[in-house]
Amino acid sequence: MTLFQRVSLAAIVLACLTWKGPSMAAEDPGSIAPDSDRVMVTVFLKHTQNLTLEQMGENLRANGFFEKFPPEGVEVVSWLQLMSFGHVVTMKVPPAKVRELNRSIESGSYSTFKSEVYLGYDFWPVIQAVKARRAEEMSEK
């Protein structure tokens, strides 16, 4: 990802986090129960462009990547293979497993992938609550 793309992505994320539209401002954040047992983690595993597919496979097998990643007890929500990029893996991780997840990436993939790890949370319940409130407001008019 180029510097321009990273800055653009950061600006979009910042705008989304700080924007308070009329419906979002009216939403009570305490009314949405967070999943306190797990954190959402998205891992970007970018191909090392100077390796062939065979070399990448050899490195992953030699490092035991698929035996280590993801660790036991981590739920994979999605695992995408993106052409010309690599893998994007989204997982629900118990907080006690975050270190093990980090170690599985470090010890299993560093010679094959450049990794980026992002913590987040499921925003879908908030959107559903906003939509429900808007629908209720519209039906009252």
C-alpha atoms as a PDB file:
ATOM      1  CA  MET A   1       0.000   0.000   0.000  1.00  0.00           C
ATOM      2  CA  THR A   2       1.475   3.334  -1.034  1.00  0.00           C
ATOM      3  CA  LEU A   3       1.885   6.241   1.353  1.00  0.00           C
ATOM      4  CA  PHE A   4      -0.931   8.093  -0.438  1.00  0.00           C
ATOM      5  CA  GLN A   5      -3.264   5.087  -0.012  1.00  0.00           C
ATOM      6  CA  ARG A   6      -2.392   4.790   3.682  1.00  0.00           C
ATOM      7  CA  VAL A   7      -2.974   8.491   4.311  1.00  0.00           C
ATOM      8  CA  SER A   8      -6.254   8.347   2.367  1.00  0.00           C
ATOM      9  CA  LEU A   9      -7.406   5.310   4.342  1.00  0.00           C
ATOM     10  CA  ALA A  10      -6.453   6.989   7.620  1.00  0.00           C
ATOM     11  CA  ALA A  11      -8.400  10.109   6.632  1.00  0.00           C
ATOM     12  CA  ILE A  12     -11.481   8.050   5.775  1.00  0.00           C
ATOM     13  CA  VAL A  13     -11.292   6.123   9.049  1.00  0.00           C
ATOM     14  CA  LEU A  14     -10.829   9.340  11.024  1.00  0.00           C
ATOM     15  CA  ALA A  15     -13.786  10.957   9.248  1.00  0.00           C
ATOM     16  CA  CYS A  16     -15.966   7.927   9.991  1.00  0.00           C
ATOM     17  CA  LEU A  17     -14.944   7.880  13.643  1.00  0.00           C
ATOM     18  CA  THR A  18     -15.497  11.589  14.220  1.00  0.00           C
ATOM     19  CA  TRP A  19     -18.591  12.225  12.073  1.00  0.00           C
ATOM     20  CA  LYS A  20     -21.794  12.499  14.050  1.00  0.00           C
ATOM     21  CA  GLY A  21     -24.755  12.499  11.748  1.00  0.00           C
ATOM     22  CA  PRO A  22     -28.196  13.201  13.195  1.00  0.00           C
ATOM     23  CA  SER A  23     -29.157   9.549  13.519  1.00  0.00           C
ATOM     24  CA  MET A  24     -25.823   8.444  14.975  1.00  0.00           C
ATOM     25  CA  ALA A  25     -25.768  11.257  17.540  1.00  0.00           C
ATOM     26  CA  ALA A  26     -29.199  10.231  18.771  1.00  0.00           C
ATOM     27  CA  GLU A  27     -28.146   6.597  19.181  1.00  0.00           C
ATOM     28  CA  ASP A  28     -27.366   5.491  22.719  1.00  0.00           C
ATOM     29  CA  PRO A  29     -24.074   3.558  22.421  1.00  0.00           C
ATOM     30  CA  GLY A  30     -24.821   1.786  25.691  1.00  0.00           C
ATOM     31  CA  SER A  31     -27.847   0.134  24.121  1.00  0.00           C
ATOM     32  CA  ILE A  32     -25.636  -2.046  21.903  1.00  0.00           C
ATOM     33  CA  ALA A  33     -24.003  -4.815  23.903  1.00  0.00           C
ATOM     34  CA  PRO A  34     -20.383  -5.365  22.794  1.00  0.00           C
ATOM     35  CA  ASP A  35     -18.926  -8.835  22.386  1.00  0.00           C
ATOM     36  CA  SER A  36     -16.711  -8.630  25.483  1.00  0.00           C
ATOM     37  CA  ASP A  37     -15.445 -12.196  25.106  1.00  0.00           C
ATOM     38  CA  ARG A  38     -13.593 -11.569  21.844  1.00  0.00           C
ATOM     39  CA  VAL A  39     -11.957  -8.823  19.815  1.00  0.00           C
ATOM     40  CA  MET A  40     -12.179  -8.569  16.050  1.00  0.00           C
ATOM     41  CA  VAL A  41      -8.773  -8.778  14.373  1.00  0.00           C
ATOM     42  CA  THR A  42      -8.088  -8.324  10.663  1.00  0.00           C
ATOM     43  CA  VAL A  43      -4.724  -9.455   9.344  1.00  0.00           C
ATOM     44  CA  PHE A  44      -3.377  -8.403   5.957  1.00  0.00           C
ATOM     45  CA  LEU A  45      -0.789 -10.883   4.675  1.00  0.00           C
ATOM     46  CA  LYS A  46       0.804  -9.234   1.624  1.00  0.00           C
ATOM     47  CA  HIS A  47       2.738 -11.398  -0.809  1.00  0.00           C
ATOM     48  CA  THR A  48       6.468 -10.865  -0.954  1.00  0.00           C
ATOM     49  CA  GLN A  49       6.679  -9.970  -4.644  1.00  0.00           C
ATOM     50  CA  ASN A  50      10.193 -11.323  -5.220  1.00  0.00           C
ATOM     51  CA  LEU A  51       9.168 -14.907  -4.339  1.00  0.00           C
ATOM     52  CA  THR A  52       7.561 -17.394  -6.679  1.00  0.00           C
ATOM     53  CA  LEU A  53       4.417 -19.248  -5.661  1.00  0.00           C
ATOM     54  CA  GLU A  54       6.522 -22.377  -5.126  1.00  0.00           C
ATOM     55  CA  GLN A  55       8.979 -20.498  -2.886  1.00  0.00           C
ATOM     56  CA  MET A  56       6.130 -19.033  -0.831  1.00  0.00           C
ATOM     57  CA  GLY A  57       4.622 -22.503  -0.349  1.00  0.00           C
ATOM     58  CA  GLU A  58       7.987 -23.941   0.664  1.00  0.00           C
ATOM     59  CA  ASN A  59       8.540 -21.153   3.212  1.00  0.00           C
ATOM     60  CA  LEU A  60       5.070 -21.587   4.728  1.00  0.00           C
ATOM     61  CA  ARG A  61       5.508 -25.371   5.011  1.00  0.00           C
ATOM     62  CA  ALA A  62       9.022 -25.055   6.462  1.00  0.00           C
ATOM     63  CA  ASN A  63       7.814 -22.559   9.078  1.00  0.00           C
ATOM     64  CA  GLY A  64       4.707 -24.594   9.934  1.00  0.00           C
ATOM     65  CA  PHE A  65       2.486 -21.615   9.161  1.00  0.00           C
ATOM     66  CA  PHE A  66      -0.762 -23.503   8.628  1.00  0.00           C
ATOM     67  CA  GLU A  67      -0.202 -25.538  11.792  1.00  0.00           C
ATOM     68  CA  LYS A  68       0.297 -22.334  13.806  1.00  0.00           C
ATOM     69  CA  PHE A  69      -2.115 -19.915  12.136  1.00  0.00           C
ATOM     70  CA  PRO A  70      -4.747 -19.307  13.259  1.00  0.00           C
ATOM     71  CA  PRO A  71      -4.198 -20.627  16.781  1.00  0.00           C
ATOM     72  CA  GLU A  72      -6.694 -22.981  18.430  1.00  0.00           C
ATOM     73  CA  GLY A  73      -9.621 -21.067  19.936  1.00  0.00           C
ATOM     74  CA  VAL A  74      -9.611 -18.304  17.319  1.00  0.00           C
ATOM     75  CA  GLU A  75     -12.713 -18.090  15.101  1.00  0.00           C
ATOM     76  CA  VAL A  76     -12.065 -17.235  11.447  1.00  0.00           C
ATOM     77  CA  VAL A  77     -14.868 -14.967  10.218  1.00  0.00           C
ATOM     78  CA  SER A  78     -13.508 -14.715   6.676  1.00  0.00           C
ATOM     79  CA  TRP A  79     -10.345 -15.547   4.764  1.00  0.00           C
ATOM     80  CA  LEU A  80     -10.004 -13.832   1.414  1.00  0.00           C
ATOM     81  CA  GLN A  81      -7.340 -14.375  -1.235  1.00  0.00           C
ATOM     82  CA  LEU A  82      -6.912 -11.133  -3.160  1.00  0.00           C
ATOM     83  CA  MET A  83      -5.221 -11.329  -6.537  1.00  0.00           C
ATOM     84  CA  SER A  84      -1.888  -9.485  -6.697  1.00  0.00           C
ATOM     85  CA  PHE A  85      -2.107  -8.742  -2.967  1.00  0.00           C
ATOM     86  CA  GLY A  86      -2.234 -11.763  -0.697  1.00  0.00           C
ATOM     87  CA  HIS A  87      -4.624 -12.747   2.077  1.00  0.00           C
ATOM     88  CA  VAL A  88      -7.020 -10.804   4.305  1.00  0.00           C
ATOM     89  CA  VAL A  89      -8.081 -12.808   7.346  1.00  0.00           C
ATOM     90  CA  THR A  90     -10.711 -11.545   9.795  1.00  0.00           C
ATOM     91  CA  MET A  91     -10.998 -13.354  13.109  1.00  0.00           C
ATOM     92  CA  LYS A  92     -12.739 -13.164  16.466  1.00  0.00           C
ATOM     93  CA  VAL A  93     -10.036 -13.582  19.073  1.00  0.00           C
ATOM     94  CA  PRO A  94     -10.330 -14.076  22.835  1.00  0.00           C
ATOM     95  CA  PRO A  95      -8.114 -11.412  24.448  1.00  0.00           C
ATOM     96  CA  ALA A  96      -6.014 -14.140  26.083  1.00  0.00           C
ATOM     97  CA  LYS A  97      -5.139 -15.456  22.579  1.00  0.00           C
ATOM     98  CA  VAL A  98      -3.895 -12.159  21.059  1.00  0.00           C
ATOM     99  CA  ARG A  99      -0.256 -12.857  21.956  1.00  0.00           C
ATOM    100  CA  GLU A 100      -0.471 -16.384  20.544  1.00  0.00           C
ATOM    101  CA  LEU A 101      -2.012 -15.004  17.350  1.00  0.00           C
ATOM    102  CA  ASN A 102       0.816 -12.480  17.046  1.00  0.00           C
ATOM    103  CA  ARG A 103       3.454 -15.173  17.574  1.00  0.00           C
ATOM    104  CA  SER A 104       1.836 -17.455  14.977  1.00  0.00           C
ATOM    105  CA  ILE A 105       2.149 -14.663  12.410  1.00  0.00           C
ATOM    106  CA  GLU A 106       5.701 -13.743  13.426  1.00  0.00           C
ATOM    107  CA  SER A 107       7.080 -17.264  13.493  1.00  0.00           C
ATOM    108  CA  GLY A 108       5.151 -18.654  10.543  1.00  0.00           C
ATOM    109  CA  SER A 109       4.919 -16.027   7.863  1.00  0.00           C
ATOM    110  CA  TYR A 110       7.604 -13.342   8.039  1.00  0.00           C
ATOM    111  CA  SER A 111       9.723 -14.777   5.222  1.00  0.00           C
ATOM    112  CA  THR A 112       6.685 -15.021   2.932  1.00  0.00           C
ATOM    113  CA  PHE A 113       4.296 -12.209   3.828  1.00  0.00           C
ATOM    114  CA  LYS A 114       4.485  -8.648   5.024  1.00  0.00           C
ATOM    115  CA  SER A 115       1.795  -8.436   7.676  1.00  0.00           C
ATOM    116  CA  GLU A 116      -0.447  -5.711   9.031  1.00  0.00           C
ATOM    117  CA  VAL A 117      -2.794  -6.307  11.964  1.00  0.00           C
ATOM    118  CA  TYR A 118      -5.829  -4.199  12.849  1.00  0.00           C
ATOM    119  CA  LEU A 119      -8.146  -4.465  15.842  1.00  0.00           C
ATOM    120  CA  GLY A 120     -11.758  -3.470  15.374  1.00  0.00           C
ATOM    121  CA  TYR A 121     -15.287  -4.264  16.418  1.00  0.00           C
ATOM    122  CA  ASP A 122     -18.532  -5.329  14.816  1.00  0.00           C
ATOM    123  CA  PHE A 123     -20.317  -2.143  13.787  1.00  0.00           C
ATOM    124  CA  TRP A 124     -23.249  -3.937  12.133  1.00  0.00           C
ATOM    125  CA  PRO A 125     -25.448  -3.980  15.295  1.00  0.00           C
ATOM    126  CA  VAL A 126     -25.057  -0.192  15.552  1.00  0.00           C
ATOM    127  CA  ILE A 127     -26.085   0.272  11.908  1.00  0.00           C
ATOM    128  CA  GLN A 128     -29.080  -2.028  12.429  1.00  0.00           C
ATOM    129  CA  ALA A 129     -30.156  -0.002  15.474  1.00  0.00           C
ATOM    130  CA  VAL A 130     -29.816   3.261  13.529  1.00  0.00           C
ATOM    131  CA  LYS A 131     -31.866   1.846  10.639  1.00  0.00           C
ATOM    132  CA  ALA A 132     -34.551   0.587  13.014  1.00  0.00           C
ATOM    133  CA  ARG A 133     -34.759   3.978  14.725  1.00  0.00           C
ATOM    134  CA  ARG A 134     -34.987   5.779  11.360  1.00  0.00           C
ATOM    135  CA  ALA A 135     -37.717   3.402  10.164  1.00  0.00           C
ATOM    136  CA  GLU A 136     -39.627   4.015  13.401  1.00  0.00           C
ATOM    137  CA  GLU A 137     -39.263   7.781  13.012  1.00  0.00           C
ATOM    138  CA  MET A 138     -40.465   7.614   9.391  1.00  0.00           C
ATOM    139  CA  SER A 139     -43.491   5.517  10.290  1.00  0.00           C
ATOM    140  CA  GLU A 140     -44.487   8.008  13.009  1.00  0.00           C
ATOM    141  CA  LYS A 141     -44.577  10.909  10.506  1.00  0.00           C
END
